[in-house]
N, C-alpha and C. Protein backbone atom coordinates (compact mmCIF):
# COMPACT_ATOMS: atom_id res chain seq x y z
N MET A 1 32.49 25.08 62.90
CA MET A 1 31.53 24.03 63.16
C MET A 1 31.42 23.15 61.92
N ALA A 2 31.57 21.83 62.09
CA ALA A 2 31.45 20.88 60.98
C ALA A 2 29.98 20.57 60.75
N THR A 3 29.53 20.72 59.51
CA THR A 3 28.12 20.49 59.21
C THR A 3 27.97 19.42 58.15
N LYS A 4 26.81 18.78 58.19
CA LYS A 4 26.46 17.76 57.21
C LYS A 4 25.10 18.09 56.62
N ILE A 5 24.92 17.67 55.39
CA ILE A 5 23.59 17.71 54.76
C ILE A 5 23.11 16.28 54.84
N ARG A 6 22.07 16.03 55.62
CA ARG A 6 21.63 14.66 55.85
C ARG A 6 20.13 14.57 55.98
N LEU A 7 19.65 13.33 56.10
CA LEU A 7 18.23 13.07 56.23
C LEU A 7 17.85 12.98 57.70
N ALA A 8 16.72 13.57 58.06
CA ALA A 8 16.14 13.43 59.39
C ALA A 8 14.80 12.75 59.21
N ARG A 9 14.62 11.58 59.85
CA ARG A 9 13.42 10.78 59.63
C ARG A 9 12.23 11.33 60.40
N GLY A 10 11.11 11.31 59.72
CA GLY A 10 9.84 11.68 60.32
C GLY A 10 8.81 10.67 59.86
N GLY A 11 7.56 10.96 60.06
CA GLY A 11 6.52 10.04 59.62
C GLY A 11 6.26 8.97 60.66
N SER A 12 5.23 8.19 60.42
CA SER A 12 4.86 7.16 61.38
C SER A 12 5.54 5.84 61.05
N LYS A 13 5.24 4.85 61.84
CA LYS A 13 5.83 3.52 61.66
C LYS A 13 5.46 2.99 60.27
N LYS A 14 6.45 2.51 59.55
CA LYS A 14 6.31 1.94 58.21
C LYS A 14 5.80 2.95 57.17
N ARG A 15 5.80 4.22 57.49
CA ARG A 15 5.42 5.29 56.56
C ARG A 15 6.47 6.39 56.65
N PRO A 16 7.70 6.13 56.19
CA PRO A 16 8.77 7.10 56.40
C PRO A 16 8.59 8.37 55.57
N TYR A 17 9.10 9.44 56.13
CA TYR A 17 9.17 10.72 55.46
C TYR A 17 10.43 11.39 55.99
N TYR A 18 11.23 11.95 55.11
CA TYR A 18 12.50 12.50 55.52
C TYR A 18 12.59 13.99 55.19
N ARG A 19 13.19 14.74 56.09
CA ARG A 19 13.55 16.13 55.81
C ARG A 19 15.03 16.13 55.47
N ILE A 20 15.41 16.89 54.47
CA ILE A 20 16.83 17.07 54.16
C ILE A 20 17.25 18.31 54.93
N VAL A 21 18.19 18.12 55.87
CA VAL A 21 18.54 19.20 56.78
C VAL A 21 20.04 19.44 56.79
N ILE A 22 20.40 20.65 57.24
CA ILE A 22 21.78 21.00 57.54
C ILE A 22 21.91 20.86 59.04
N ALA A 23 22.84 20.03 59.50
CA ALA A 23 22.96 19.79 60.93
C ALA A 23 24.43 19.70 61.32
N ASP A 24 24.69 20.03 62.57
CA ASP A 24 26.01 19.83 63.16
C ASP A 24 26.24 18.32 63.21
N ILE A 25 27.45 17.87 62.93
CA ILE A 25 27.71 16.43 62.88
C ILE A 25 27.53 15.77 64.24
N ARG A 26 27.59 16.56 65.32
CA ARG A 26 27.45 15.99 66.66
C ARG A 26 26.01 15.86 67.11
N SER A 27 25.07 16.48 66.42
CA SER A 27 23.67 16.40 66.83
C SER A 27 23.04 15.10 66.35
N PRO A 28 22.02 14.60 67.07
CA PRO A 28 21.40 13.32 66.68
C PRO A 28 20.67 13.40 65.34
N ARG A 29 20.43 12.24 64.75
CA ARG A 29 19.83 12.16 63.42
C ARG A 29 18.52 12.92 63.33
N ASP A 30 17.62 12.69 64.26
CA ASP A 30 16.30 13.34 64.21
C ASP A 30 16.23 14.54 65.14
N GLY A 31 17.37 14.95 65.67
CA GLY A 31 17.39 16.02 66.66
C GLY A 31 17.56 17.39 66.05
N ARG A 32 18.32 18.21 66.77
CA ARG A 32 18.49 19.61 66.41
C ARG A 32 19.18 19.74 65.05
N PHE A 33 18.68 20.68 64.26
CA PHE A 33 19.30 20.98 62.97
C PHE A 33 19.34 22.48 62.77
N ILE A 34 20.15 22.92 61.84
CA ILE A 34 20.33 24.34 61.60
C ILE A 34 19.26 24.87 60.65
N GLU A 35 19.04 24.12 59.54
CA GLU A 35 18.10 24.59 58.54
C GLU A 35 17.56 23.42 57.74
N LYS A 36 16.28 23.50 57.38
CA LYS A 36 15.67 22.50 56.50
C LYS A 36 15.82 22.99 55.06
N VAL A 37 16.41 22.13 54.21
CA VAL A 37 16.67 22.54 52.82
C VAL A 37 15.95 21.67 51.80
N GLY A 38 15.12 20.74 52.25
CA GLY A 38 14.39 19.90 51.30
C GLY A 38 13.65 18.80 52.00
N SER A 39 13.04 17.93 51.20
CA SER A 39 12.32 16.78 51.74
C SER A 39 12.41 15.61 50.77
N TYR A 40 12.20 14.41 51.32
CA TYR A 40 12.25 13.17 50.54
C TYR A 40 11.14 12.27 51.04
N ASP A 41 10.27 11.87 50.12
CA ASP A 41 9.16 10.99 50.46
C ASP A 41 9.32 9.68 49.69
N PRO A 42 9.90 8.63 50.31
CA PRO A 42 10.15 7.38 49.60
C PRO A 42 8.88 6.60 49.27
N MET A 43 7.74 7.01 49.81
CA MET A 43 6.49 6.31 49.53
C MET A 43 5.92 6.68 48.16
N LEU A 44 6.38 7.75 47.59
CA LEU A 44 5.90 8.17 46.26
C LEU A 44 6.64 7.39 45.18
N PRO A 45 6.05 7.24 43.99
CA PRO A 45 6.75 6.55 42.90
C PRO A 45 8.02 7.28 42.49
N LYS A 46 8.96 6.52 41.94
CA LYS A 46 10.27 7.09 41.62
C LYS A 46 10.21 8.19 40.57
N ASP A 47 9.20 8.17 39.71
CA ASP A 47 9.11 9.19 38.66
C ASP A 47 8.32 10.42 39.11
N SER A 48 7.86 10.44 40.35
CA SER A 48 7.09 11.57 40.86
C SER A 48 7.98 12.78 41.10
N GLU A 49 7.48 13.97 40.76
CA GLU A 49 8.24 15.20 40.98
C GLU A 49 8.33 15.53 42.46
N ASP A 50 7.35 15.12 43.25
CA ASP A 50 7.31 15.46 44.67
C ASP A 50 8.11 14.50 45.54
N ARG A 51 8.74 13.49 44.95
CA ARG A 51 9.51 12.52 45.75
C ARG A 51 10.68 13.20 46.45
N VAL A 52 11.45 14.00 45.72
CA VAL A 52 12.57 14.74 46.30
C VAL A 52 12.38 16.22 45.97
N LYS A 53 12.34 17.04 47.01
CA LYS A 53 12.25 18.49 46.83
C LYS A 53 13.49 19.10 47.45
N LEU A 54 14.15 20.00 46.71
CA LEU A 54 15.39 20.62 47.18
C LEU A 54 15.31 22.14 47.05
N ASN A 55 15.85 22.83 48.05
CA ASN A 55 16.04 24.27 47.97
C ASN A 55 17.46 24.48 47.46
N VAL A 56 17.60 24.58 46.15
CA VAL A 56 18.91 24.55 45.49
C VAL A 56 19.81 25.70 45.95
N GLU A 57 19.26 26.90 46.10
CA GLU A 57 20.08 28.05 46.49
C GLU A 57 20.71 27.83 47.85
N ARG A 58 19.93 27.37 48.82
CA ARG A 58 20.46 27.17 50.18
C ARG A 58 21.45 26.02 50.22
N ILE A 59 21.20 24.98 49.42
CA ILE A 59 22.14 23.85 49.40
C ILE A 59 23.48 24.31 48.83
N GLN A 60 23.45 25.11 47.77
CA GLN A 60 24.70 25.62 47.19
C GLN A 60 25.43 26.50 48.20
N TYR A 61 24.69 27.31 48.96
CA TYR A 61 25.30 28.15 49.98
C TYR A 61 26.02 27.29 51.02
N TRP A 62 25.34 26.25 51.51
CA TRP A 62 25.93 25.42 52.55
C TRP A 62 27.09 24.58 52.01
N LEU A 63 27.01 24.12 50.77
CA LEU A 63 28.14 23.41 50.17
C LEU A 63 29.35 24.34 50.06
N GLY A 64 29.10 25.60 49.73
CA GLY A 64 30.17 26.59 49.68
C GLY A 64 30.79 26.86 51.04
N ASN A 65 30.01 26.66 52.11
CA ASN A 65 30.52 26.85 53.46
C ASN A 65 31.10 25.58 54.05
N GLY A 66 31.24 24.52 53.26
CA GLY A 66 31.92 23.32 53.72
C GLY A 66 31.05 22.20 54.23
N ALA A 67 29.75 22.26 54.04
CA ALA A 67 28.88 21.17 54.48
C ALA A 67 29.11 19.94 53.59
N LYS A 68 29.19 18.78 54.21
CA LYS A 68 29.42 17.53 53.48
C LYS A 68 28.12 16.74 53.43
N PRO A 69 27.66 16.35 52.23
CA PRO A 69 26.44 15.55 52.15
C PRO A 69 26.70 14.08 52.47
N THR A 70 25.71 13.42 53.04
CA THR A 70 25.79 11.98 53.23
C THR A 70 25.63 11.32 51.86
N ASP A 71 25.85 10.01 51.80
CA ASP A 71 25.82 9.32 50.51
C ASP A 71 24.44 9.43 49.85
N ARG A 72 23.38 9.22 50.59
CA ARG A 72 22.03 9.29 50.02
C ARG A 72 21.73 10.69 49.52
N VAL A 73 22.06 11.70 50.29
CA VAL A 73 21.82 13.08 49.87
C VAL A 73 22.70 13.42 48.67
N HIS A 74 23.92 12.88 48.65
CA HIS A 74 24.81 13.10 47.50
C HIS A 74 24.17 12.56 46.23
N ARG A 75 23.47 11.43 46.33
CA ARG A 75 22.75 10.87 45.18
C ARG A 75 21.68 11.83 44.70
N PHE A 76 20.93 12.42 45.63
CA PHE A 76 19.89 13.38 45.26
C PHE A 76 20.49 14.60 44.57
N LEU A 77 21.60 15.08 45.12
CA LEU A 77 22.25 16.26 44.55
C LEU A 77 22.83 15.95 43.17
N ASP A 78 23.30 14.73 42.98
CA ASP A 78 23.80 14.32 41.67
C ASP A 78 22.66 14.29 40.66
N ALA A 79 21.51 13.77 41.07
CA ALA A 79 20.35 13.72 40.17
C ALA A 79 19.87 15.12 39.82
N ALA A 80 20.02 16.05 40.77
CA ALA A 80 19.60 17.43 40.53
C ALA A 80 20.65 18.22 39.74
N GLY A 81 21.85 17.66 39.57
CA GLY A 81 22.90 18.32 38.82
C GLY A 81 23.76 19.26 39.64
N LEU A 82 23.68 19.19 40.97
CA LEU A 82 24.47 20.08 41.82
C LEU A 82 25.87 19.55 42.09
N LEU A 83 26.01 18.25 42.23
CA LEU A 83 27.30 17.61 42.50
C LEU A 83 27.48 16.44 41.56
N LYS A 84 28.72 16.00 41.42
CA LYS A 84 29.01 14.81 40.64
C LYS A 84 29.38 13.70 41.61
N ARG A 85 28.73 12.57 41.51
CA ARG A 85 28.99 11.43 42.39
C ARG A 85 29.58 10.30 41.56
N GLU A 86 30.73 9.83 41.97
CA GLU A 86 31.36 8.70 41.28
C GLU A 86 30.70 7.41 41.75
N PRO A 87 30.34 6.51 40.82
CA PRO A 87 29.74 5.24 41.25
C PRO A 87 30.76 4.41 42.00
N ARG A 88 30.28 3.72 43.01
CA ARG A 88 31.16 2.88 43.80
C ARG A 88 31.17 1.48 43.22
N ASN A 89 32.24 0.74 43.53
CA ASN A 89 32.38 -0.61 43.01
C ASN A 89 32.78 -1.53 44.16
N ASN A 90 31.95 -2.51 44.43
CA ASN A 90 32.25 -3.50 45.46
C ASN A 90 32.10 -4.88 44.83
N PRO A 91 33.16 -5.40 44.20
CA PRO A 91 33.03 -6.68 43.51
C PRO A 91 32.79 -7.85 44.47
N GLN A 92 33.14 -7.69 45.74
CA GLN A 92 32.94 -8.77 46.70
C GLN A 92 31.48 -8.91 47.10
N LYS A 93 30.67 -7.91 46.85
CA LYS A 93 29.27 -7.96 47.24
C LYS A 93 28.53 -9.10 46.52
N ALA A 94 28.90 -9.38 45.29
CA ALA A 94 28.21 -10.40 44.51
C ALA A 94 28.71 -11.81 44.81
N GLU A 95 29.81 -11.93 45.55
CA GLU A 95 30.35 -13.26 45.85
C GLU A 95 29.45 -14.00 46.83
N LEU A 96 29.38 -15.31 46.65
CA LEU A 96 28.61 -16.14 47.56
C LEU A 96 29.36 -16.32 48.87
N GLY A 97 28.62 -16.58 49.94
CA GLY A 97 29.24 -16.86 51.22
C GLY A 97 29.81 -18.27 51.24
N ALA A 98 30.51 -18.61 52.32
CA ALA A 98 31.19 -19.90 52.42
C ALA A 98 30.19 -21.06 52.37
N LYS A 99 29.09 -20.96 53.13
CA LYS A 99 28.12 -22.05 53.16
C LYS A 99 27.41 -22.21 51.81
N ALA A 100 27.12 -21.10 51.16
CA ALA A 100 26.48 -21.17 49.85
C ALA A 100 27.40 -21.82 48.83
N LYS A 101 28.70 -21.53 48.92
CA LYS A 101 29.66 -22.17 48.03
C LYS A 101 29.71 -23.68 48.27
N GLU A 102 29.66 -24.08 49.56
CA GLU A 102 29.66 -25.52 49.88
C GLU A 102 28.42 -26.20 49.32
N ARG A 103 27.26 -25.57 49.48
CA ARG A 103 26.01 -26.14 48.95
C ARG A 103 26.07 -26.26 47.43
N LEU A 104 26.61 -25.25 46.77
CA LEU A 104 26.71 -25.27 45.32
C LEU A 104 27.65 -26.38 44.87
N GLU A 105 28.75 -26.56 45.57
CA GLU A 105 29.71 -27.63 45.25
C GLU A 105 29.06 -29.01 45.44
N ALA A 106 28.31 -29.17 46.54
CA ALA A 106 27.63 -30.44 46.79
C ALA A 106 26.58 -30.72 45.71
N LYS A 107 25.88 -29.68 45.28
CA LYS A 107 24.87 -29.84 44.23
C LYS A 107 25.52 -30.25 42.92
N LYS A 108 26.67 -29.65 42.60
CA LYS A 108 27.38 -30.00 41.37
C LYS A 108 27.80 -31.47 41.40
N LEU A 109 28.33 -31.92 42.54
CA LEU A 109 28.73 -33.33 42.66
C LEU A 109 27.54 -34.26 42.49
N ALA A 110 26.41 -33.91 43.12
CA ALA A 110 25.21 -34.73 43.00
C ALA A 110 24.72 -34.77 41.56
N ASP A 111 24.76 -33.64 40.87
CA ASP A 111 24.33 -33.59 39.47
C ASP A 111 25.25 -34.43 38.58
N GLU A 112 26.56 -34.34 38.85
CA GLU A 112 27.50 -35.14 38.06
C GLU A 112 27.28 -36.64 38.28
N GLU A 113 27.02 -37.04 39.54
CA GLU A 113 26.75 -38.45 39.82
C GLU A 113 25.47 -38.92 39.15
N ALA A 114 24.45 -38.06 39.17
CA ALA A 114 23.19 -38.42 38.53
C ALA A 114 23.36 -38.53 37.01
N ALA A 115 24.13 -37.62 36.42
CA ALA A 115 24.37 -37.66 34.98
C ALA A 115 25.16 -38.92 34.61
N ALA A 116 26.14 -39.27 35.45
CA ALA A 116 26.93 -40.47 35.19
C ALA A 116 26.06 -41.73 35.30
N ALA A 117 25.17 -41.76 36.28
CA ALA A 117 24.28 -42.90 36.44
C ALA A 117 23.32 -43.02 35.26
N THR A 118 22.83 -41.90 34.78
CA THR A 118 21.92 -41.91 33.62
C THR A 118 22.65 -42.39 32.38
N ALA A 119 23.88 -41.91 32.18
CA ALA A 119 24.66 -42.34 31.02
C ALA A 119 24.99 -43.82 31.10
N GLU A 120 25.29 -44.30 32.30
CA GLU A 120 25.60 -45.72 32.49
C GLU A 120 24.37 -46.58 32.21
N ALA A 121 23.20 -46.12 32.66
CA ALA A 121 21.97 -46.86 32.41
C ALA A 121 21.65 -46.87 30.92
N ALA A 122 21.93 -45.78 30.23
CA ALA A 122 21.65 -45.72 28.79
C ALA A 122 22.57 -46.65 28.03
N THR A 123 23.83 -46.75 28.42
CA THR A 123 24.75 -47.66 27.73
C THR A 123 24.39 -49.10 28.02
N GLU A 124 23.92 -49.42 29.22
CA GLU A 124 23.49 -50.79 29.53
C GLU A 124 22.26 -51.14 28.71
N GLY A 125 21.35 -50.17 28.58
CA GLY A 125 20.13 -50.41 27.79
C GLY A 125 20.46 -50.62 26.34
N ALA A 126 21.44 -49.90 25.80
CA ALA A 126 21.84 -50.03 24.40
C ALA A 126 22.52 -51.38 24.18
N SER A 127 23.33 -51.84 25.12
CA SER A 127 24.01 -53.11 24.97
C SER A 127 23.03 -54.27 25.07
N GLU A 128 21.98 -54.11 25.90
CA GLU A 128 20.95 -55.16 25.99
C GLU A 128 20.17 -55.25 24.69
N GLU A 129 19.88 -54.11 24.07
CA GLU A 129 19.15 -54.11 22.81
C GLU A 129 19.99 -54.75 21.71
N ALA A 130 21.28 -54.49 21.71
CA ALA A 130 22.16 -55.06 20.70
C ALA A 130 22.26 -56.56 20.91
N ALA A 131 22.26 -57.01 22.14
CA ALA A 131 22.33 -58.46 22.43
C ALA A 131 21.02 -59.14 22.05
N ALA A 132 19.92 -58.45 22.14
CA ALA A 132 18.61 -59.04 21.84
C ALA A 132 18.46 -59.23 20.32
N GLU A 133 19.11 -58.43 19.54
CA GLU A 133 18.98 -58.53 18.09
C GLU A 133 19.83 -59.64 17.61
């Protein structure tokens, strides 16, 4: 049986609370699970000790039996020192979309035209002053 260590959502609307559970990969997210091995309360501050609670012995047992953690649970296990998680790199995430690039290009052209008009007005003003003297 393929198992995962994952989050099962509980709590009321806009007040999430998660159980960290061992579940068959075919069972639904909030449905049947094999064992509860921890909890996660995202409403608590990040430095709170009660934000993530883990039953380390049971998690190590299930990892030894082939359970695969989800990405979020893998982060918790990395913070607890149970697993090592390599940071991911998505350089395309920071790129602007096509429309944003078009808007930025249009803004640059408008700024250049405004700067050129200002410089032209300044040179005309300087030439008028020189002619007046």
